[in-house]
Amino acid sequence: MDSKLYRVFGSRLRALREEKSVTQEELARRVDLSRTSITNIEKGRQRIMLHQVVELAQALDANVVELMPSPTQDAEEPLRADVARVIERLQQEGADEA
């Protein structure tokens, strides 16, 4: 899997968590993970499952799309085409829900 995707996701998770004034400890409690897991996710070192992405977004009262990187987001290398398609679909579904 593309490690850049996980780094960008983790960066967005951290920014959103800090914007909501939620500590790593509190977020970990809300999603039943350890604080260390939250740290590793935010640094892009830990892979997570799809249901955990949804739980993290819900725990921060956010839409999953807010955590997803843009397919061309200031990337030295664009995301893989299949990853980019999934992200675009999630973003479209998020816009349809709004």
PDB file of N, CA and C in Angstrom:
ATOM      1  N   MET A   1       0.852  -1.180   0.000  1.00  0.00           N
ATOM      2  CA  MET A   1       0.000   0.000   0.000  1.00  0.00           C
ATOM      3  C   MET A   1       0.890   1.233   0.000  1.00  0.00           C
ATOM      4  N   ASP A   2       0.387   2.299  -0.486  1.00  0.00           N
ATOM      5  CA  ASP A   2       1.139   3.535  -0.626  1.00  0.00           C
ATOM      6  C   ASP A   2       1.326   4.204   0.737  1.00  0.00           C
ATOM      7  N   SER A   3       2.572   4.273   1.221  1.00  0.00           N
ATOM      8  CA  SER A   3       2.825   4.845   2.547  1.00  0.00           C
ATOM      9  C   SER A   3       2.537   6.347   2.572  1.00  0.00           C
ATOM     10  N   LYS A   4       2.656   7.026   1.428  1.00  0.00           N
ATOM     11  CA  LYS A   4       2.344   8.454   1.366  1.00  0.00           C
ATOM     12  C   LYS A   4       0.881   8.688   1.742  1.00  0.00           C
ATOM     13  N   LEU A   5       0.001   7.838   1.290  1.00  0.00           N
ATOM     14  CA  LEU A   5      -1.423   7.953   1.626  1.00  0.00           C
ATOM     15  C   LEU A   5      -1.610   7.955   3.138  1.00  0.00           C
ATOM     16  N   TYR A   6      -0.932   7.046   3.825  1.00  0.00           N
ATOM     17  CA  TYR A   6      -1.068   6.954   5.278  1.00  0.00           C
ATOM     18  C   TYR A   6      -0.460   8.166   5.983  1.00  0.00           C
ATOM     19  N   ARG A   7       0.640   8.691   5.462  1.00  0.00           N
ATOM     20  CA  ARG A   7       1.245   9.894   6.056  1.00  0.00           C
ATOM     21  C   ARG A   7       0.321  11.099   5.901  1.00  0.00           C
ATOM     22  N   VAL A   8      -0.255  11.269   4.718  1.00  0.00           N
ATOM     23  CA  VAL A   8      -1.155  12.399   4.487  1.00  0.00           C
ATOM     24  C   VAL A   8      -2.420  12.241   5.335  1.00  0.00           C
ATOM     25  N   PHE A   9      -2.966  11.021   5.380  1.00  0.00           N
ATOM     26  CA  PHE A   9      -4.137  10.762   6.212  1.00  0.00           C
ATOM     27  C   PHE A   9      -3.827  11.105   7.670  1.00  0.00           C
ATOM     28  N   GLY A  10      -2.691  10.637   8.160  1.00  0.00           N
ATOM     29  CA  GLY A  10      -2.305  10.888   9.549  1.00  0.00           C
ATOM     30  C   GLY A  10      -2.147  12.367   9.834  1.00  0.00           C
ATOM     31  N   SER A  11      -1.576  13.075   8.900  1.00  0.00           N
ATOM     32  CA  SER A  11      -1.408  14.521   9.053  1.00  0.00           C
ATOM     33  C   SER A  11      -2.766  15.218   9.134  1.00  0.00           C
ATOM     34  N   ARG A  12      -3.685  14.801   8.292  1.00  0.00           N
ATOM     35  CA  ARG A  12      -5.034  15.386   8.328  1.00  0.00           C
ATOM     36  C   ARG A  12      -5.754  15.028   9.628  1.00  0.00           C
ATOM     37  N   LEU A  13      -5.574  13.796  10.083  1.00  0.00           N
ATOM     38  CA  LEU A  13      -6.193  13.384  11.344  1.00  0.00           C
ATOM     39  C   LEU A  13      -5.680  14.251  12.483  1.00  0.00           C
ATOM     40  N   ARG A  14      -4.380  14.440  12.540  1.00  0.00           N
ATOM     41  CA  ARG A  14      -3.798  15.251  13.613  1.00  0.00           C
ATOM     42  C   ARG A  14      -4.314  16.691  13.558  1.00  0.00           C
ATOM     43  N   ALA A  15      -4.331  17.277  12.358  1.00  0.00           N
ATOM     44  CA  ALA A  15      -4.801  18.655  12.215  1.00  0.00           C
ATOM     45  C   ALA A  15      -6.258  18.786  12.664  1.00  0.00           C
ATOM     46  N   LEU A  16      -7.088  17.839  12.269  1.00  0.00           N
ATOM     47  CA  LEU A  16      -8.502  17.878  12.650  1.00  0.00           C
ATOM     48  C   LEU A  16      -8.660  17.680  14.155  1.00  0.00           C
ATOM     49  N   ARG A  17      -7.886  16.743  14.713  1.00  0.00           N
ATOM     50  CA  ARG A  17      -7.946  16.500  16.165  1.00  0.00           C
ATOM     51  C   ARG A  17      -7.559  17.751  16.933  1.00  0.00           C
ATOM     52  N   GLU A  18      -6.488  18.408  16.509  1.00  0.00           N
ATOM     53  CA  GLU A  18      -6.034  19.620  17.191  1.00  0.00           C
ATOM     54  C   GLU A  18      -7.033  20.757  17.010  1.00  0.00           C
ATOM     55  N   GLU A  19      -7.620  20.851  15.812  1.00  0.00           N
ATOM     56  CA  GLU A  19      -8.642  21.878  15.555  1.00  0.00           C
ATOM     57  C   GLU A  19      -9.833  21.715  16.499  1.00  0.00           C
ATOM     58  N   LYS A  20     -10.163  20.468  16.821  1.00  0.00           N
ATOM     59  CA  LYS A  20     -11.291  20.168  17.703  1.00  0.00           C
ATOM     60  C   LYS A  20     -10.873  20.153  19.178  1.00  0.00           C
ATOM     61  N   SER A  21      -9.618  20.459  19.452  1.00  0.00           N
ATOM     62  CA  SER A  21      -9.070  20.483  20.822  1.00  0.00           C
ATOM     63  C   SER A  21      -9.272  19.152  21.539  1.00  0.00           C
ATOM     64  N   VAL A  22      -8.958  18.073  20.840  1.00  0.00           N
ATOM     65  CA  VAL A  22      -9.065  16.728  21.402  1.00  0.00           C
ATOM     66  C   VAL A  22      -7.650  16.171  21.543  1.00  0.00           C
ATOM     67  N   THR A  23      -7.351  15.624  22.703  1.00  0.00           N
ATOM     68  CA  THR A  23      -6.031  15.026  22.917  1.00  0.00           C
ATOM     69  C   THR A  23      -5.968  13.648  22.257  1.00  0.00           C
ATOM     70  N   GLN A  24      -4.750  13.171  22.060  1.00  0.00           N
ATOM     71  CA  GLN A  24      -4.590  11.813  21.537  1.00  0.00           C
ATOM     72  C   GLN A  24      -5.228  10.806  22.485  1.00  0.00           C
ATOM     73  N   GLU A  25      -5.052  11.034  23.763  1.00  0.00           N
ATOM     74  CA  GLU A  25      -5.616  10.134  24.775  1.00  0.00           C
ATOM     75  C   GLU A  25      -7.137  10.068  24.668  1.00  0.00           C
ATOM     76  N   GLU A  26      -7.770  11.231  24.522  1.00  0.00           N
ATOM     77  CA  GLU A  26      -9.233  11.284  24.424  1.00  0.00           C
ATOM     78  C   GLU A  26      -9.715  10.627  23.132  1.00  0.00           C
ATOM     79  N   LEU A  27      -9.047  10.908  22.029  1.00  0.00           N
ATOM     80  CA  LEU A  27      -9.444  10.283  20.761  1.00  0.00           C
ATOM     81  C   LEU A  27      -9.291   8.765  20.849  1.00  0.00           C
ATOM     82  N   ALA A  28      -8.214   8.327  21.435  1.00  0.00           N
ATOM     83  CA  ALA A  28      -7.982   6.888  21.602  1.00  0.00           C
ATOM     84  C   ALA A  28      -9.110   6.246  22.402  1.00  0.00           C
ATOM     85  N   ARG A  29      -9.530   6.913  23.470  1.00  0.00           N
ATOM     86  CA  ARG A  29     -10.623   6.388  24.296  1.00  0.00           C
ATOM     87  C   ARG A  29     -11.916   6.301  23.481  1.00  0.00           C
ATOM     88  N   ARG A  30     -12.188   7.329  22.680  1.00  0.00           N
ATOM     89  CA  ARG A  30     -13.421   7.374  21.895  1.00  0.00           C
ATOM     90  C   ARG A  30     -13.506   6.257  20.856  1.00  0.00           C
ATOM     91  N   VAL A  31     -12.369   5.823  20.340  1.00  0.00           N
ATOM     92  CA  VAL A  31     -12.380   4.808  19.277  1.00  0.00           C
ATOM     93  C   VAL A  31     -11.820   3.461  19.737  1.00  0.00           C
ATOM     94  N   ASP A  32     -11.572   3.338  21.021  1.00  0.00           N
ATOM     95  CA  ASP A  32     -11.091   2.084  21.608  1.00  0.00           C
ATOM     96  C   ASP A  32      -9.756   1.632  21.011  1.00  0.00           C
ATOM     97  N   LEU A  33      -8.828   2.581  20.934  1.00  0.00           N
ATOM     98  CA  LEU A  33      -7.447   2.289  20.538  1.00  0.00           C
ATOM     99  C   LEU A  33      -6.523   2.831  21.622  1.00  0.00           C
ATOM    100  N   SER A  34      -5.266   2.481  21.562  1.00  0.00           N
ATOM    101  CA  SER A  34      -4.308   3.041  22.517  1.00  0.00           C
ATOM    102  C   SER A  34      -3.840   4.417  22.033  1.00  0.00           C
ATOM    103  N   ARG A  35      -3.328   5.216  22.945  1.00  0.00           N
ATOM    104  CA  ARG A  35      -2.775   6.515  22.572  1.00  0.00           C
ATOM    105  C   ARG A  35      -1.610   6.323  21.612  1.00  0.00           C
ATOM    106  N   THR A  36      -0.829   5.273  21.835  1.00  0.00           N
ATOM    107  CA  THR A  36       0.298   4.969  20.962  1.00  0.00           C
ATOM    108  C   THR A  36      -0.182   4.674  19.541  1.00  0.00           C
ATOM    109  N   SER A  37      -1.302   3.981  19.408  1.00  0.00           N
ATOM    110  CA  SER A  37      -1.852   3.723  18.075  1.00  0.00           C
ATOM    111  C   SER A  37      -2.234   5.025  17.385  1.00  0.00           C
ATOM    112  N   ILE A  38      -2.839   5.953  18.121  1.00  0.00           N
ATOM    113  CA  ILE A  38      -3.204   7.248  17.535  1.00  0.00           C
ATOM    114  C   ILE A  38      -1.937   7.969  17.068  1.00  0.00           C
ATOM    115  N   THR A  39      -0.906   7.957  17.894  1.00  0.00           N
ATOM    116  CA  THR A  39       0.372   8.574  17.515  1.00  0.00           C
ATOM    117  C   THR A  39       0.903   7.951  16.229  1.00  0.00           C
ATOM    118  N   ASN A  40       0.915   6.634  16.164  1.00  0.00           N
ATOM    119  CA  ASN A  40       1.431   5.942  14.986  1.00  0.00           C
ATOM    120  C   ASN A  40       0.586   6.196  13.745  1.00  0.00           C
ATOM    121  N   ILE A  41      -0.723   6.275  13.902  1.00  0.00           N
ATOM    122  CA  ILE A  41      -1.604   6.589  12.774  1.00  0.00           C
ATOM    123  C   ILE A  41      -1.304   7.997  12.275  1.00  0.00           C
ATOM    124  N   GLU A  42      -1.175   8.934  13.195  1.00  0.00           N
ATOM    125  CA  GLU A  42      -0.909  10.321  12.818  1.00  0.00           C
ATOM    126  C   GLU A  42       0.445  10.475  12.110  1.00  0.00           C
ATOM    127  N   LYS A  43       1.376   9.612  12.411  1.00  0.00           N
ATOM    128  CA  LYS A  43       2.696   9.668  11.769  1.00  0.00           C
ATOM    129  C   LYS A  43       2.757   8.812  10.507  1.00  0.00           C
ATOM    130  N   GLY A  44       1.658   8.125  10.190  1.00  0.00           N
ATOM    131  CA  GLY A  44       1.617   7.297   8.993  1.00  0.00           C
ATOM    132  C   GLY A  44       2.320   5.974   9.132  1.00  0.00           C
ATOM    133  N   ARG A  45       2.603   5.576  10.368  1.00  0.00           N
ATOM    134  CA  ARG A  45       3.343   4.328  10.610  1.00  0.00           C
ATOM    135  C   ARG A  45       2.427   3.135  10.836  1.00  0.00           C
ATOM    136  N   GLN A  46       1.157   3.382  11.098  1.00  0.00           N
ATOM    137  CA  GLN A  46       0.234   2.284  11.388  1.00  0.00           C
ATOM    138  C   GLN A  46      -0.896   2.282  10.371  1.00  0.00           C
ATOM    139  N   ARG A  47      -1.110   1.153   9.753  1.00  0.00           N
ATOM    140  CA  ARG A  47      -2.204   0.983   8.801  1.00  0.00           C
ATOM    141  C   ARG A  47      -3.493   0.778   9.584  1.00  0.00           C
ATOM    142  N   ILE A  48      -4.577   1.301   9.039  1.00  0.00           N
ATOM    143  CA  ILE A  48      -5.852   1.132   9.725  1.00  0.00           C
ATOM    144  C   ILE A  48      -6.899   0.599   8.761  1.00  0.00           C
ATOM    145  N   MET A  49      -7.926  -0.002   9.325  1.00  0.00           N
ATOM    146  CA  MET A  49      -9.002  -0.560   8.522  1.00  0.00           C
ATOM    147  C   MET A  49     -10.047   0.512   8.225  1.00  0.00           C
ATOM    148  N   LEU A  50     -10.850   0.244   7.221  1.00  0.00           N
ATOM    149  CA  LEU A  50     -11.857   1.196   6.781  1.00  0.00           C
ATOM    150  C   LEU A  50     -12.814   1.578   7.909  1.00  0.00           C
ATOM    151  N   HIS A  51     -13.253   0.607   8.696  1.00  0.00           N
ATOM    152  CA  HIS A  51     -14.186   0.933   9.780  1.00  0.00           C
ATOM    153  C   HIS A  51     -13.528   1.856  10.812  1.00  0.00           C
ATOM    154  N   GLN A  52     -12.205   1.762  10.965  1.00  0.00           N
ATOM    155  CA  GLN A  52     -11.517   2.655  11.898  1.00  0.00           C
ATOM    156  C   GLN A  52     -11.460   4.087  11.359  1.00  0.00           C
ATOM    157  N   VAL A  53     -11.348   4.231  10.041  1.00  0.00           N
ATOM    158  CA  VAL A  53     -11.392   5.567   9.439  1.00  0.00           C
ATOM    159  C   VAL A  53     -12.732   6.214   9.764  1.00  0.00           C
ATOM    160  N   VAL A  54     -13.798   5.449   9.594  1.00  0.00           N
ATOM    161  CA  VAL A  54     -15.145   5.954   9.880  1.00  0.00           C
ATOM    162  C   VAL A  54     -15.276   6.297  11.360  1.00  0.00           C
ATOM    163  N   GLU A  55     -14.795   5.437  12.238  1.00  0.00           N
ATOM    164  CA  GLU A  55     -14.876   5.689  13.687  1.00  0.00           C
ATOM    165  C   GLU A  55     -14.085   6.933  14.081  1.00  0.00           C
ATOM    166  N   LEU A  56     -12.920   7.119  13.498  1.00  0.00           N
ATOM    167  CA  LEU A  56     -12.110   8.303  13.807  1.00  0.00           C
ATOM    168  C   LEU A  56     -12.838   9.571  13.380  1.00  0.00           C
ATOM    169  N   ALA A  57     -13.417   9.556  12.186  1.00  0.00           N
ATOM    170  CA  ALA A  57     -14.169  10.722  11.709  1.00  0.00           C
ATOM    171  C   ALA A  57     -15.351  11.004  12.634  1.00  0.00           C
ATOM    172  N   GLN A  58     -16.092   9.978  12.996  1.00  0.00           N
ATOM    173  CA  GLN A  58     -17.247  10.161  13.881  1.00  0.00           C
ATOM    174  C   GLN A  58     -16.817  10.681  15.248  1.00  0.00           C
ATOM    175  N   ALA A  59     -15.706  10.181  15.748  1.00  0.00           N
ATOM    176  CA  ALA A  59     -15.220  10.600  17.065  1.00  0.00           C
ATOM    177  C   ALA A  59     -14.830  12.075  17.073  1.00  0.00           C
ATOM    178  N   LEU A  60     -14.504  12.602  15.891  1.00  0.00           N
ATOM    179  CA  LEU A  60     -14.135  14.018  15.785  1.00  0.00           C
ATOM    180  C   LEU A  60     -15.275  14.850  15.197  1.00  0.00           C
ATOM    181  N   ASP A  61     -16.463  14.231  15.120  1.00  0.00           N
ATOM    182  CA  ASP A  61     -17.643  14.908  14.584  1.00  0.00           C
ATOM    183  C   ASP A  61     -17.332  15.505  13.212  1.00  0.00           C
ATOM    184  N   ALA A  62     -16.775  14.662  12.350  1.00  0.00           N
ATOM    185  CA  ALA A  62     -16.347  15.104  11.025  1.00  0.00           C
ATOM    186  C   ALA A  62     -16.827  14.113   9.973  1.00  0.00           C
ATOM    187  N   ASN A  63     -16.714  14.520   8.730  1.00  0.00           N
ATOM    188  CA  ASN A  63     -17.017  13.662   7.602  1.00  0.00           C
ATOM    189  C   ASN A  63     -15.731  12.939   7.210  1.00  0.00           C
ATOM    190  N   VAL A  64     -15.842  11.698   6.810  1.00  0.00           N
ATOM    191  CA  VAL A  64     -14.681  10.907   6.408  1.00  0.00           C
ATOM    192  C   VAL A  64     -13.872  11.641   5.338  1.00  0.00           C
ATOM    193  N   VAL A  65     -14.544  12.345   4.463  1.00  0.00           N
ATOM    194  CA  VAL A  65     -13.878  13.046   3.367  1.00  0.00           C
ATOM    195  C   VAL A  65     -12.865  14.064   3.888  1.00  0.00           C
ATOM    196  N   GLU A  66     -13.120  14.636   5.054  1.00  0.00           N
ATOM    197  CA  GLU A  66     -12.191  15.611   5.629  1.00  0.00           C
ATOM    198  C   GLU A  66     -10.824  14.997   5.935  1.00  0.00           C
ATOM    199  N   LEU A  67     -10.800  13.691   6.120  1.00  0.00           N
ATOM    200  CA  LEU A  67      -9.543  13.009   6.439  1.00  0.00           C
ATOM    201  C   LEU A  67      -8.819  12.486   5.202  1.00  0.00           C
ATOM    202  N   MET A  68      -9.512  12.454   4.072  1.00  0.00           N
ATOM    203  CA  MET A  68      -8.939  11.890   2.864  1.00  0.00           C
ATOM    204  C   MET A  68      -8.102  12.924   2.114  1.00  0.00           C
ATOM    205  N   PRO A  69      -6.929  12.520   1.667  1.00  0.00           N
ATOM    206  CA  PRO A  69      -6.103  13.449   0.894  1.00  0.00           C
ATOM    207  C   PRO A  69      -6.667  13.658  -0.500  1.00  0.00           C
ATOM    208  N   SER A  70      -6.369  14.798  -1.064  1.00  0.00           N
ATOM    209  CA  SER A  70      -6.717  15.080  -2.448  1.00  0.00           C
ATOM    210  C   SER A  70      -5.809  14.221  -3.321  1.00  0.00           C
ATOM    211  N   PRO A  71      -6.318  13.710  -4.436  1.00  0.00           N
ATOM    212  CA  PRO A  71      -5.473  12.861  -5.294  1.00  0.00           C
ATOM    213  C   PRO A  71      -4.212  13.567  -5.791  1.00  0.00           C
ATOM    214  N   THR A  72      -4.190  14.878  -5.834  1.00  0.00           N
ATOM    215  CA  THR A  72      -3.017  15.605  -6.326  1.00  0.00           C
ATOM    216  C   THR A  72      -2.462  16.560  -5.282  1.00  0.00           C
ATOM    217  N   GLN A  73      -2.778  16.344  -4.045  1.00  0.00           N
ATOM    218  CA  GLN A  73      -2.432  17.252  -2.950  1.00  0.00           C
ATOM    219  C   GLN A  73      -0.937  17.459  -2.811  1.00  0.00           C
ATOM    220  N   ASP A  74      -0.440  18.577  -3.308  1.00  0.00           N
ATOM    221  CA  ASP A  74       0.965  18.954  -3.155  1.00  0.00           C
ATOM    222  C   ASP A  74       1.899  17.749  -3.148  1.00  0.00           C
ATOM    223  N   ALA A  75       1.635  16.818  -4.012  1.00  0.00           N
ATOM    224  CA  ALA A  75       2.396  15.573  -3.994  1.00  0.00           C
ATOM    225  C   ALA A  75       3.614  15.662  -4.901  1.00  0.00           C
ATOM    226  N   GLU A  76       4.716  15.163  -4.373  1.00  0.00           N
ATOM    227  CA  GLU A  76       5.882  15.006  -5.225  1.00  0.00           C
ATOM    228  C   GLU A  76       5.541  13.957  -6.276  1.00  0.00           C
ATOM    229  N   GLU A  77       4.869  12.931  -5.843  1.00  0.00           N
ATOM    230  CA  GLU A  77       4.368  11.899  -6.735  1.00  0.00           C
ATOM    231  C   GLU A  77       2.868  11.820  -6.511  1.00  0.00           C
ATOM    232  N   PRO A  78       2.071  11.804  -7.574  1.00  0.00           N
ATOM    233  CA  PRO A  78       0.632  11.671  -7.367  1.00  0.00           C
ATOM    234  C   PRO A  78       0.312  10.321  -6.730  1.00  0.00           C
ATOM    235  N   LEU A  79      -0.818  10.246  -6.072  1.00  0.00           N
ATOM    236  CA  LEU A  79      -1.236   8.979  -5.479  1.00  0.00           C
ATOM    237  C   LEU A  79      -1.489   7.968  -6.589  1.00  0.00           C
ATOM    238  N   ARG A  80      -1.394   6.714  -6.260  1.00  0.00           N
ATOM    239  CA  ARG A  80      -1.707   5.683  -7.246  1.00  0.00           C
ATOM    240  C   ARG A  80      -3.099   5.916  -7.793  1.00  0.00           C
ATOM    241  N   ALA A  81      -3.307   5.570  -9.037  1.00  0.00           N
ATOM    242  CA  ALA A  81      -4.585   5.829  -9.710  1.00  0.00           C
ATOM    243  C   ALA A  81      -5.748   5.164  -8.987  1.00  0.00           C
ATOM    244  N   ASP A  82      -5.575   3.928  -8.500  1.00  0.00           N
ATOM    245  CA  ASP A  82      -6.687   3.257  -7.830  1.00  0.00           C
ATOM    246  C   ASP A  82      -7.022   3.934  -6.512  1.00  0.00           C
ATOM    247  N   VAL A  83      -6.020   4.398  -5.787  1.00  0.00           N
ATOM    248  CA  VAL A  83      -6.237   5.103  -4.527  1.00  0.00           C
ATOM    249  C   VAL A  83      -6.924   6.437  -4.813  1.00  0.00           C
ATOM    250  N   ALA A  84      -6.480   7.126  -5.849  1.00  0.00           N
ATOM    251  CA  ALA A  84      -7.072   8.409  -6.225  1.00  0.00           C
ATOM    252  C   ALA A  84      -8.551   8.244  -6.578  1.00  0.00           C
ATOM    253  N   ARG A  85      -8.897   7.167  -7.282  1.00  0.00           N
ATOM    254  CA  ARG A  85     -10.308   6.933  -7.649  1.00  0.00           C
ATOM    255  C   ARG A  85     -11.166   6.714  -6.411  1.00  0.00           C
ATOM    256  N   VAL A  86     -10.680   5.960  -5.446  1.00  0.00           N
ATOM    257  CA  VAL A  86     -11.436   5.721  -4.212  1.00  0.00           C
ATOM    258  C   VAL A  86     -11.655   7.039  -3.466  1.00  0.00           C
ATOM    259  N   ILE A  87     -10.623   7.846  -3.373  1.00  0.00           N
ATOM    260  CA  ILE A  87     -10.728   9.129  -2.681  1.00  0.00           C
ATOM    261  C   ILE A  87     -11.730  10.034  -3.390  1.00  0.00           C
ATOM    262  N   GLU A  88     -11.659  10.094  -4.718  1.00  0.00           N
ATOM    263  CA  GLU A  88     -12.602  10.920  -5.470  1.00  0.00           C
ATOM    264  C   GLU A  88     -14.041  10.459  -5.251  1.00  0.00           C
ATOM    265  N   ARG A  89     -14.257   9.152  -5.217  1.00  0.00           N
ATOM    266  CA  ARG A  89     -15.601   8.626  -4.986  1.00  0.00           C
ATOM    267  C   ARG A  89     -16.095   9.009  -3.592  1.00  0.00           C
ATOM    268  N   LEU A  90     -15.248   8.883  -2.591  1.00  0.00           N
ATOM    269  CA  LEU A  90     -15.637   9.269  -1.233  1.00  0.00           C
ATOM    270  C   LEU A  90     -15.954  10.764  -1.161  1.00  0.00           C
ATOM    271  N   GLN A  91     -15.172  11.577  -1.851  1.00  0.00           N
ATOM    272  CA  GLN A  91     -15.416  13.013  -1.841  1.00  0.00           C
ATOM    273  C   GLN A  91     -16.739  13.331  -2.531  1.00  0.00           C
ATOM    274  N   GLN A  92     -17.057  12.653  -3.619  1.00  0.00           N
ATOM    275  CA  GLN A  92     -18.327  12.875  -4.306  1.00  0.00           C
ATOM    276  C   GLN A  92     -19.487  12.470  -3.415  1.00  0.00           C
ATOM    277  N   GLU A  93     -19.381  11.321  -2.756  1.00  0.00           N
ATOM    278  CA  GLU A  93     -20.441  10.874  -1.871  1.00  0.00           C
ATOM    279  C   GLU A  93     -20.621  11.841  -0.707  1.00  0.00           C
ATOM    280  N   GLY A  94     -19.517  12.392  -0.195  1.00  0.00           N
ATOM    281  CA  GLY A  94     -19.594  13.372   0.880  1.00  0.00           C
ATOM    282  C   GLY A  94     -20.298  14.634   0.421  1.00  0.00           C
ATOM    283  N   ALA A  95     -20.038  15.061  -0.800  1.00  0.00           N
ATOM    284  CA  ALA A  95     -20.689  16.259  -1.337  1.00  0.00           C
ATOM    285  C   ALA A  95     -22.176  15.993  -1.565  1.00  0.00           C
ATOM    286  N   ASP A  96     -22.510  14.791  -1.976  1.00  0.00           N
ATOM    287  CA  ASP A  96     -23.919  14.444  -2.197  1.00  0.00           C
ATOM    288  C   ASP A  96     -24.701  14.446  -0.896  1.00  0.00           C
ATOM    289  N   GLU A  97     -24.042  14.072   0.218  1.00  0.00           N
ATOM    290  CA  GLU A  97     -24.696  14.023   1.525  1.00  0.00           C
ATOM    291  C   GLU A  97     -24.918  15.419   2.105  1.00  0.00           C
ATOM    292  N   ALA A  98     -24.081  16.377   1.711  1.00  0.00           N
ATOM    293  CA  ALA A  98     -24.148  17.727   2.267  1.00  0.00           C
ATOM    294  C   ALA A  98     -25.304  18.527   1.743  1.00  0.00           C
TER     295      ALA A  98
END
